[in-house]
Amino acid sequence: MNDAMPTAPPPFQAFFERERVAVLRLLVGMVGPQEAEDCFQEAFLRALRSWPPADAGERLGGWMLTIAHRVAIDRLRQHASVPLEVAAEPTAPPTPELAPDELWEAVRRLPPKQRGAVVLRLVLDQSHAQVAATLDCSEEAARRSYADGLAAIRRQVGDGTLEVTR
């Protein structure tokens, strides 16, 4: 009989378990469900290669989202002329009149920085400061990207029914 106490998971494994859902949600919002799986693996491989991050401190989650966002941007650049599949299951449509697939289609048409800001704010519920850190820009630029992204989505939807409370 082994009376040894169960050991804690290695630090990267615990980090992975803690951050994987947020990373996958960001990537699905950025590149779609098909591409998200590959980007997810690439993002965590990049993180593992530089583990442990010396400069991330207590901001490990933000560090990981920054890596994932950069992987998504790389993927979008690779497939710039190929339309990405629209996600089938967003968190919740902002209004009952707007179908979820229409919302995700509108999000996917945004430029990458606006798309990142919208997904980080609405899907991952991050503050503007967190969005700024992830997108590597000022908080003011993050706010502007978010506002511009929402305005573009409203224009795409056309009737102004998109209501977002943040």
N, C-alpha and C. Protein backbone atom coordinates (compact mmCIF):
# COMPACT_ATOMS: atom_id res chain seq x y z
N MET A 1 0.83 -1.18 0.00
CA MET A 1 0.00 0.00 0.00
C MET A 1 0.88 1.24 0.00
N ASN A 2 0.57 2.16 -0.87
CA ASN A 2 1.36 3.38 -0.99
C ASN A 2 0.64 4.51 -0.29
N ASP A 3 1.22 5.00 0.79
CA ASP A 3 0.61 6.09 1.57
C ASP A 3 1.10 7.46 1.14
N ALA A 4 1.80 7.51 0.05
CA ALA A 4 2.34 8.79 -0.40
C ALA A 4 1.21 9.73 -0.82
N MET A 5 1.39 10.97 -0.49
CA MET A 5 0.42 11.99 -0.87
C MET A 5 0.48 12.19 -2.38
N PRO A 6 -0.66 12.43 -3.03
CA PRO A 6 -0.61 12.71 -4.46
C PRO A 6 0.20 13.99 -4.69
N THR A 7 0.98 13.96 -5.72
CA THR A 7 1.81 15.12 -6.00
C THR A 7 1.05 16.11 -6.87
N ALA A 8 1.42 17.35 -6.74
CA ALA A 8 0.82 18.40 -7.57
C ALA A 8 1.31 18.22 -9.00
N PRO A 9 0.48 18.59 -9.96
CA PRO A 9 0.93 18.48 -11.35
C PRO A 9 2.12 19.40 -11.59
N PRO A 10 2.96 19.05 -12.53
CA PRO A 10 4.08 19.95 -12.85
C PRO A 10 3.55 21.34 -13.20
N PRO A 11 4.37 22.36 -12.99
CA PRO A 11 3.88 23.73 -13.19
C PRO A 11 3.27 23.99 -14.57
N PHE A 12 3.86 23.52 -15.65
CA PHE A 12 3.29 23.80 -16.96
C PHE A 12 1.97 23.08 -17.15
N GLN A 13 1.86 21.87 -16.63
CA GLN A 13 0.60 21.14 -16.77
C GLN A 13 -0.51 21.86 -16.02
N ALA A 14 -0.23 22.33 -14.83
CA ALA A 14 -1.24 23.08 -14.06
C ALA A 14 -1.61 24.37 -14.79
N PHE A 15 -0.61 25.05 -15.34
CA PHE A 15 -0.84 26.26 -16.13
C PHE A 15 -1.72 25.95 -17.33
N PHE A 16 -1.41 24.88 -18.04
CA PHE A 16 -2.19 24.46 -19.20
C PHE A 16 -3.64 24.22 -18.81
N GLU A 17 -3.86 23.47 -17.77
CA GLU A 17 -5.23 23.16 -17.32
C GLU A 17 -6.00 24.43 -16.95
N ARG A 18 -5.31 25.37 -16.37
CA ARG A 18 -5.96 26.61 -15.94
C ARG A 18 -6.29 27.53 -17.12
N GLU A 19 -5.45 27.56 -18.15
CA GLU A 19 -5.60 28.54 -19.23
C GLU A 19 -6.23 27.99 -20.50
N ARG A 20 -6.35 26.70 -20.63
CA ARG A 20 -6.74 26.10 -21.93
C ARG A 20 -8.10 26.54 -22.43
N VAL A 21 -9.08 26.69 -21.57
CA VAL A 21 -10.42 27.07 -22.00
C VAL A 21 -10.42 28.50 -22.56
N ALA A 22 -9.79 29.42 -21.85
CA ALA A 22 -9.74 30.80 -22.31
C ALA A 22 -9.00 30.91 -23.64
N VAL A 23 -7.90 30.17 -23.77
CA VAL A 23 -7.12 30.21 -25.02
C VAL A 23 -7.95 29.67 -26.17
N LEU A 24 -8.62 28.56 -25.96
CA LEU A 24 -9.43 27.98 -27.03
C LEU A 24 -10.58 28.90 -27.41
N ARG A 25 -11.22 29.52 -26.44
CA ARG A 25 -12.31 30.45 -26.75
C ARG A 25 -11.81 31.63 -27.57
N LEU A 26 -10.65 32.17 -27.21
CA LEU A 26 -10.08 33.27 -27.98
C LEU A 26 -9.80 32.82 -29.41
N LEU A 27 -9.20 31.66 -29.56
CA LEU A 27 -8.83 31.19 -30.89
C LEU A 27 -10.04 30.87 -31.76
N VAL A 28 -11.08 30.29 -31.18
CA VAL A 28 -12.29 30.03 -31.96
C VAL A 28 -12.88 31.35 -32.43
N GLY A 29 -12.88 32.34 -31.57
CA GLY A 29 -13.38 33.66 -31.96
C GLY A 29 -12.52 34.33 -33.02
N MET A 30 -11.23 34.08 -32.99
CA MET A 30 -10.31 34.72 -33.93
C MET A 30 -10.26 34.01 -35.28
N VAL A 31 -10.15 32.68 -35.28
CA VAL A 31 -9.88 31.97 -36.54
C VAL A 31 -10.92 30.93 -36.91
N GLY A 32 -11.90 30.69 -36.04
CA GLY A 32 -12.92 29.68 -36.33
C GLY A 32 -12.57 28.34 -35.71
N PRO A 33 -13.55 27.47 -35.60
CA PRO A 33 -13.34 26.20 -34.88
C PRO A 33 -12.36 25.25 -35.56
N GLN A 34 -12.31 25.23 -36.87
CA GLN A 34 -11.41 24.30 -37.56
C GLN A 34 -9.95 24.70 -37.35
N GLU A 35 -9.66 25.95 -37.55
CA GLU A 35 -8.29 26.45 -37.41
C GLU A 35 -7.88 26.56 -35.94
N ALA A 36 -8.84 26.71 -35.05
CA ALA A 36 -8.53 26.93 -33.63
C ALA A 36 -7.74 25.77 -33.03
N GLU A 37 -8.05 24.56 -33.42
CA GLU A 37 -7.36 23.39 -32.85
C GLU A 37 -5.86 23.44 -33.15
N ASP A 38 -5.52 23.72 -34.40
CA ASP A 38 -4.10 23.80 -34.78
C ASP A 38 -3.42 24.98 -34.08
N CYS A 39 -4.11 26.10 -34.03
CA CYS A 39 -3.54 27.28 -33.37
C CYS A 39 -3.36 27.03 -31.87
N PHE A 40 -4.29 26.33 -31.28
CA PHE A 40 -4.23 25.99 -29.86
C PHE A 40 -2.94 25.21 -29.57
N GLN A 41 -2.69 24.20 -30.37
CA GLN A 41 -1.48 23.40 -30.18
C GLN A 41 -0.23 24.24 -30.39
N GLU A 42 -0.23 25.04 -31.43
CA GLU A 42 0.93 25.89 -31.72
C GLU A 42 1.17 26.88 -30.58
N ALA A 43 0.12 27.47 -30.06
CA ALA A 43 0.27 28.46 -28.98
C ALA A 43 0.88 27.82 -27.74
N PHE A 44 0.40 26.67 -27.35
CA PHE A 44 0.94 26.03 -26.15
C PHE A 44 2.34 25.47 -26.39
N LEU A 45 2.64 25.08 -27.61
CA LEU A 45 4.02 24.68 -27.91
C LEU A 45 4.96 25.87 -27.78
N ARG A 46 4.55 27.02 -28.30
CA ARG A 46 5.37 28.23 -28.15
C ARG A 46 5.56 28.58 -26.68
N ALA A 47 4.49 28.45 -25.90
CA ALA A 47 4.59 28.75 -24.47
C ALA A 47 5.53 27.77 -23.78
N LEU A 48 5.44 26.51 -24.13
CA LEU A 48 6.29 25.50 -23.50
C LEU A 48 7.76 25.74 -23.82
N ARG A 49 8.04 26.17 -25.05
CA ARG A 49 9.43 26.44 -25.45
C ARG A 49 10.06 27.55 -24.62
N SER A 50 9.25 28.49 -24.16
CA SER A 50 9.82 29.59 -23.38
C SER A 50 9.42 29.51 -21.90
N TRP A 51 9.01 28.34 -21.47
CA TRP A 51 8.59 28.14 -20.08
C TRP A 51 9.80 27.98 -19.18
N PRO A 52 9.84 28.54 -18.01
CA PRO A 52 8.89 29.50 -17.46
C PRO A 52 9.23 30.91 -17.94
N PRO A 53 8.21 31.71 -18.15
CA PRO A 53 8.47 33.07 -18.62
C PRO A 53 9.03 33.93 -17.49
N ALA A 54 10.16 34.50 -17.73
CA ALA A 54 10.81 35.30 -16.69
C ALA A 54 10.08 36.60 -16.41
N ASP A 55 9.48 37.19 -17.43
CA ASP A 55 8.90 38.52 -17.27
C ASP A 55 7.39 38.54 -17.10
N ALA A 56 6.72 37.39 -17.10
CA ALA A 56 5.25 37.37 -17.01
C ALA A 56 4.76 37.62 -15.60
N GLY A 57 5.53 37.21 -14.61
CA GLY A 57 5.12 37.41 -13.23
C GLY A 57 3.76 36.79 -12.93
N GLU A 58 2.88 37.58 -12.35
CA GLU A 58 1.55 37.09 -12.01
C GLU A 58 0.60 37.15 -13.20
N ARG A 59 1.07 37.61 -14.33
CA ARG A 59 0.24 37.79 -15.51
C ARG A 59 0.39 36.64 -16.50
N LEU A 60 0.50 35.42 -15.99
CA LEU A 60 0.70 34.27 -16.86
C LEU A 60 -0.46 34.08 -17.84
N GLY A 61 -1.68 34.29 -17.39
CA GLY A 61 -2.83 34.15 -18.28
C GLY A 61 -2.78 35.14 -19.43
N GLY A 62 -2.44 36.37 -19.14
CA GLY A 62 -2.31 37.38 -20.18
C GLY A 62 -1.17 37.07 -21.13
N TRP A 63 -0.07 36.56 -20.59
CA TRP A 63 1.07 36.15 -21.41
C TRP A 63 0.64 35.07 -22.39
N MET A 64 -0.14 34.10 -21.92
CA MET A 64 -0.60 33.02 -22.78
C MET A 64 -1.58 33.52 -23.83
N LEU A 65 -2.48 34.41 -23.46
CA LEU A 65 -3.42 34.96 -24.44
C LEU A 65 -2.71 35.79 -25.50
N THR A 66 -1.63 36.47 -25.10
CA THR A 66 -0.85 37.22 -26.08
C THR A 66 -0.22 36.26 -27.09
N ILE A 67 0.31 35.16 -26.61
CA ILE A 67 0.89 34.16 -27.52
C ILE A 67 -0.20 33.63 -28.46
N ALA A 68 -1.35 33.27 -27.90
CA ALA A 68 -2.45 32.73 -28.71
C ALA A 68 -2.92 33.76 -29.74
N HIS A 69 -3.02 35.00 -29.35
CA HIS A 69 -3.45 36.05 -30.28
C HIS A 69 -2.45 36.18 -31.42
N ARG A 70 -1.17 36.12 -31.12
CA ARG A 70 -0.15 36.22 -32.17
C ARG A 70 -0.19 35.02 -33.11
N VAL A 71 -0.44 33.84 -32.56
CA VAL A 71 -0.58 32.64 -33.40
C VAL A 71 -1.78 32.82 -34.34
N ALA A 72 -2.88 33.34 -33.80
CA ALA A 72 -4.08 33.57 -34.62
C ALA A 72 -3.80 34.58 -35.73
N ILE A 73 -3.08 35.65 -35.40
CA ILE A 73 -2.73 36.66 -36.41
C ILE A 73 -1.88 36.01 -37.51
N ASP A 74 -0.91 35.19 -37.11
CA ASP A 74 -0.08 34.48 -38.09
C ASP A 74 -0.94 33.62 -39.00
N ARG A 75 -1.89 32.91 -38.41
CA ARG A 75 -2.77 32.04 -39.20
C ARG A 75 -3.64 32.85 -40.15
N LEU A 76 -4.16 33.97 -39.67
CA LEU A 76 -4.98 34.83 -40.52
C LEU A 76 -4.17 35.37 -41.69
N ARG A 77 -2.94 35.70 -41.44
CA ARG A 77 -2.08 36.18 -42.53
C ARG A 77 -1.81 35.08 -43.55
N GLN A 78 -1.62 33.85 -43.07
CA GLN A 78 -1.38 32.72 -43.97
C GLN A 78 -2.57 32.46 -44.88
N HIS A 79 -3.76 32.62 -44.33
CA HIS A 79 -4.98 32.29 -45.06
C HIS A 79 -5.80 33.53 -45.39
N ALA A 80 -5.13 34.63 -45.67
CA ALA A 80 -5.83 35.91 -45.87
C ALA A 80 -6.88 35.84 -46.98
N SER A 81 -6.66 35.05 -47.99
CA SER A 81 -7.61 34.99 -49.10
C SER A 81 -8.63 33.86 -48.94
N VAL A 82 -8.47 33.03 -47.91
CA VAL A 82 -9.37 31.91 -47.71
C VAL A 82 -10.39 32.28 -46.64
N PRO A 83 -11.70 32.26 -46.93
CA PRO A 83 -12.69 32.58 -45.90
C PRO A 83 -12.69 31.51 -44.82
N LEU A 84 -12.77 31.94 -43.58
CA LEU A 84 -12.77 31.01 -42.46
C LEU A 84 -14.19 30.58 -42.12
N GLU A 85 -14.32 29.36 -41.66
CA GLU A 85 -15.63 28.83 -41.28
C GLU A 85 -16.15 29.59 -40.09
N VAL A 86 -17.42 29.82 -40.04
CA VAL A 86 -18.05 30.56 -38.95
C VAL A 86 -18.31 29.59 -37.80
N ALA A 87 -18.00 30.05 -36.60
CA ALA A 87 -18.20 29.21 -35.42
C ALA A 87 -19.68 28.90 -35.24
N ALA A 88 -19.97 27.67 -34.85
CA ALA A 88 -21.35 27.24 -34.71
C ALA A 88 -21.92 27.54 -33.33
N GLU A 89 -21.05 27.73 -32.33
CA GLU A 89 -21.57 27.91 -31.00
C GLU A 89 -20.91 29.07 -30.25
N PRO A 90 -21.32 30.30 -30.50
CA PRO A 90 -20.82 31.40 -29.70
C PRO A 90 -21.43 31.33 -28.31
N THR A 91 -20.95 32.18 -27.40
CA THR A 91 -21.43 32.12 -26.03
C THR A 91 -22.93 32.41 -25.95
N ALA A 92 -23.35 33.55 -26.42
CA ALA A 92 -24.77 33.89 -26.42
C ALA A 92 -24.99 35.04 -27.38
N PRO A 93 -26.03 34.98 -28.18
CA PRO A 93 -26.28 36.10 -29.09
C PRO A 93 -26.70 37.32 -28.28
N PRO A 94 -26.25 38.52 -28.69
CA PRO A 94 -26.60 39.72 -27.96
C PRO A 94 -28.09 40.02 -27.97
N THR A 95 -28.80 39.65 -29.04
CA THR A 95 -30.23 39.87 -29.09
C THR A 95 -30.89 38.64 -29.69
N PRO A 96 -32.15 38.38 -29.37
CA PRO A 96 -32.81 37.21 -29.93
C PRO A 96 -32.97 37.30 -31.45
N GLU A 97 -33.00 38.51 -32.01
CA GLU A 97 -33.21 38.67 -33.45
C GLU A 97 -31.99 38.29 -34.28
N LEU A 98 -30.81 38.26 -33.67
CA LEU A 98 -29.57 38.01 -34.39
C LEU A 98 -29.14 36.56 -34.18
N ALA A 99 -29.08 35.79 -35.24
CA ALA A 99 -28.66 34.40 -35.14
C ALA A 99 -27.19 34.34 -34.79
N PRO A 100 -26.78 33.35 -33.99
CA PRO A 100 -25.38 33.23 -33.58
C PRO A 100 -24.41 33.15 -34.76
N ASP A 101 -24.79 32.42 -35.80
CA ASP A 101 -23.87 32.31 -36.93
C ASP A 101 -23.71 33.64 -37.65
N GLU A 102 -24.74 34.49 -37.66
CA GLU A 102 -24.62 35.82 -38.25
C GLU A 102 -23.66 36.69 -37.45
N LEU A 103 -23.73 36.58 -36.13
CA LEU A 103 -22.84 37.34 -35.27
C LEU A 103 -21.39 36.92 -35.50
N TRP A 104 -21.12 35.62 -35.50
CA TRP A 104 -19.74 35.16 -35.70
C TRP A 104 -19.25 35.51 -37.10
N GLU A 105 -20.11 35.48 -38.07
CA GLU A 105 -19.71 35.87 -39.42
C GLU A 105 -19.29 37.34 -39.43
N ALA A 106 -20.04 38.17 -38.74
CA ALA A 106 -19.71 39.59 -38.65
C ALA A 106 -18.39 39.80 -37.91
N VAL A 107 -18.18 39.05 -36.84
CA VAL A 107 -16.92 39.15 -36.08
C VAL A 107 -15.75 38.75 -36.97
N ARG A 108 -15.89 37.70 -37.73
CA ARG A 108 -14.81 37.21 -38.59
C ARG A 108 -14.43 38.17 -39.70
N ARG A 109 -15.32 39.10 -40.04
CA ARG A 109 -15.02 40.08 -41.08
C ARG A 109 -14.20 41.25 -40.55
N LEU A 110 -14.07 41.35 -39.25
CA LEU A 110 -13.32 42.46 -38.65
C LEU A 110 -11.83 42.30 -38.91
N PRO A 111 -11.11 43.42 -38.94
CA PRO A 111 -9.65 43.33 -38.98
C PRO A 111 -9.15 42.62 -37.71
N PRO A 112 -8.00 41.97 -37.77
CA PRO A 112 -7.53 41.16 -36.63
C PRO A 112 -7.49 41.87 -35.28
N LYS A 113 -7.04 43.11 -35.23
CA LYS A 113 -6.95 43.79 -33.93
C LYS A 113 -8.34 44.06 -33.35
N GLN A 114 -9.29 44.48 -34.19
CA GLN A 114 -10.66 44.69 -33.72
C GLN A 114 -11.28 43.36 -33.32
N ARG A 115 -11.05 42.34 -34.10
CA ARG A 115 -11.58 41.01 -33.80
C ARG A 115 -11.06 40.54 -32.44
N GLY A 116 -9.76 40.71 -32.22
CA GLY A 116 -9.18 40.32 -30.95
C GLY A 116 -9.79 41.08 -29.79
N ALA A 117 -9.95 42.39 -29.94
CA ALA A 117 -10.52 43.20 -28.87
C ALA A 117 -11.96 42.78 -28.56
N VAL A 118 -12.75 42.56 -29.59
CA VAL A 118 -14.14 42.16 -29.38
C VAL A 118 -14.22 40.79 -28.71
N VAL A 119 -13.45 39.84 -29.18
CA VAL A 119 -13.48 38.49 -28.59
C VAL A 119 -12.98 38.52 -27.15
N LEU A 120 -11.89 39.22 -26.89
CA LEU A 120 -11.36 39.28 -25.53
C LEU A 120 -12.35 39.93 -24.57
N ARG A 121 -13.04 40.99 -25.02
CA ARG A 121 -14.00 41.67 -24.14
C ARG A 121 -15.28 40.88 -23.96
N LEU A 122 -15.86 40.40 -25.08
CA LEU A 122 -17.19 39.79 -24.99
C LEU A 122 -17.17 38.31 -24.67
N VAL A 123 -16.19 37.60 -25.16
CA VAL A 123 -16.16 36.15 -24.91
C VAL A 123 -15.39 35.84 -23.63
N LEU A 124 -14.25 36.49 -23.43
CA LEU A 124 -13.43 36.20 -22.26
C LEU A 124 -13.65 37.18 -21.12
N ASP A 125 -14.50 38.20 -21.34
CA ASP A 125 -14.87 39.17 -20.30
C ASP A 125 -13.65 39.86 -19.69
N GLN A 126 -12.69 40.23 -20.53
CA GLN A 126 -11.50 40.91 -20.04
C GLN A 126 -11.73 42.41 -20.00
N SER A 127 -11.02 43.06 -19.09
CA SER A 127 -11.08 44.52 -19.00
C SER A 127 -10.30 45.12 -20.17
N HIS A 128 -10.49 46.41 -20.39
CA HIS A 128 -9.74 47.07 -21.46
C HIS A 128 -8.23 47.02 -21.19
N ALA A 129 -7.86 47.08 -19.92
CA ALA A 129 -6.43 46.99 -19.58
C ALA A 129 -5.88 45.61 -19.94
N GLN A 130 -6.65 44.56 -19.66
CA GLN A 130 -6.21 43.21 -20.02
C GLN A 130 -6.15 43.04 -21.54
N VAL A 131 -7.13 43.59 -22.23
CA VAL A 131 -7.14 43.53 -23.69
C VAL A 131 -5.90 44.24 -24.24
N ALA A 132 -5.59 45.40 -23.68
CA ALA A 132 -4.42 46.16 -24.12
C ALA A 132 -3.14 45.36 -23.92
N ALA A 133 -3.03 44.70 -22.79
CA ALA A 133 -1.84 43.90 -22.52
C ALA A 133 -1.73 42.73 -23.51
N THR A 134 -2.84 42.08 -23.78
CA THR A 134 -2.84 40.95 -24.70
C THR A 134 -2.53 41.39 -26.12
N LEU A 135 -3.10 42.50 -26.55
CA LEU A 135 -2.89 42.98 -27.91
C LEU A 135 -1.62 43.81 -28.06
N ASP A 136 -0.92 44.02 -26.94
CA ASP A 136 0.33 44.78 -26.94
C ASP A 136 0.12 46.19 -27.49
N CYS A 137 -0.85 46.88 -26.88
CA CYS A 137 -1.14 48.26 -27.27
C CYS A 137 -1.56 49.02 -26.02
N SER A 138 -1.82 50.30 -26.18
CA SER A 138 -2.27 51.09 -25.03
C SER A 138 -3.73 50.75 -24.71
N GLU A 139 -4.14 51.10 -23.50
CA GLU A 139 -5.52 50.86 -23.12
C GLU A 139 -6.47 51.67 -24.00
N GLU A 140 -6.06 52.87 -24.35
CA GLU A 140 -6.88 53.71 -25.23
C GLU A 140 -7.04 53.05 -26.61
N ALA A 141 -5.97 52.49 -27.13
CA ALA A 141 -6.04 51.82 -28.43
C ALA A 141 -6.92 50.58 -28.34
N ALA A 142 -6.87 49.87 -27.21
CA ALA A 142 -7.72 48.70 -27.02
C ALA A 142 -9.19 49.12 -26.99
N ARG A 143 -9.49 50.20 -26.29
CA ARG A 143 -10.86 50.72 -26.25
C ARG A 143 -11.33 51.10 -27.66
N ARG A 144 -10.45 51.75 -28.41
CA ARG A 144 -10.81 52.18 -29.77
C ARG A 144 -11.03 50.97 -30.67
N SER A 145 -10.19 49.96 -30.57
CA SER A 145 -10.35 48.75 -31.39
C SER A 145 -11.67 48.05 -31.05
N TYR A 146 -11.99 48.00 -29.78
CA TYR A 146 -13.25 47.39 -29.35
C TYR A 146 -14.44 48.18 -29.88
N ALA A 147 -14.42 49.49 -29.68
CA ALA A 147 -15.53 50.34 -30.13
C ALA A 147 -15.68 50.29 -31.66
N ASP A 148 -14.57 50.36 -32.36
CA ASP A 148 -14.62 50.29 -33.82
C ASP A 148 -15.13 48.93 -34.29
N GLY A 149 -14.73 47.88 -33.59
CA GLY A 149 -15.20 46.53 -33.94
C GLY A 149 -16.71 46.40 -33.75
N LEU A 150 -17.22 46.91 -32.62
CA LEU A 150 -18.66 46.85 -32.39
C LEU A 150 -19.41 47.68 -33.42
N ALA A 151 -18.87 48.86 -33.76
CA ALA A 151 -19.52 49.71 -34.76
C ALA A 151 -19.57 49.01 -36.11
N ALA A 152 -18.48 48.34 -36.47
CA ALA A 152 -18.44 47.62 -37.74
C ALA A 152 -19.43 46.46 -37.75
N ILE A 153 -19.56 45.77 -36.63
CA ILE A 153 -20.53 44.67 -36.53
C ILE A 153 -21.94 45.23 -36.67
N ARG A 154 -22.21 46.34 -36.01
CA ARG A 154 -23.53 46.96 -36.11
C ARG A 154 -23.85 47.34 -37.56
N ARG A 155 -22.86 47.88 -38.25
CA ARG A 155 -23.06 48.24 -39.66
C ARG A 155 -23.32 46.98 -40.50
N GLN A 156 -22.60 45.91 -40.22
CA GLN A 156 -22.78 44.66 -40.97
C GLN A 156 -24.17 44.08 -40.73
N VAL A 157 -24.62 44.15 -39.49
CA VAL A 157 -25.94 43.61 -39.16
C VAL A 157 -27.00 44.48 -39.80
N GLY A 158 -26.72 45.78 -39.90
CA GLY A 158 -27.56 46.67 -40.69
C GLY A 158 -28.71 47.35 -39.99
N ASP A 159 -29.38 46.69 -39.10
CA ASP A 159 -30.57 47.29 -38.53
C ASP A 159 -30.36 47.87 -37.14
N GLY A 160 -29.14 47.81 -36.64
CA GLY A 160 -28.85 48.41 -35.35
C GLY A 160 -29.38 47.64 -34.17
N THR A 161 -29.79 46.37 -34.34
CA THR A 161 -30.36 45.62 -33.23
C THR A 161 -29.30 45.06 -32.29
N LEU A 162 -28.05 45.12 -32.69
CA LEU A 162 -26.99 44.56 -31.84
C LEU A 162 -26.80 45.44 -30.62
N GLU A 163 -27.08 44.87 -29.47
CA GLU A 163 -26.91 45.59 -28.21
C GLU A 163 -25.92 44.82 -27.37
N VAL A 164 -24.85 45.49 -27.00
CA VAL A 164 -23.82 44.86 -26.19
C VAL A 164 -23.65 45.68 -24.94
N THR A 165 -23.72 45.04 -23.79
CA THR A 165 -23.55 45.74 -22.53
C THR A 165 -22.21 45.36 -21.94
N ARG A 166 -21.34 46.29 -21.84
CA ARG A 166 -20.02 46.12 -21.22
C ARG A 166 -19.65 47.43 -20.60
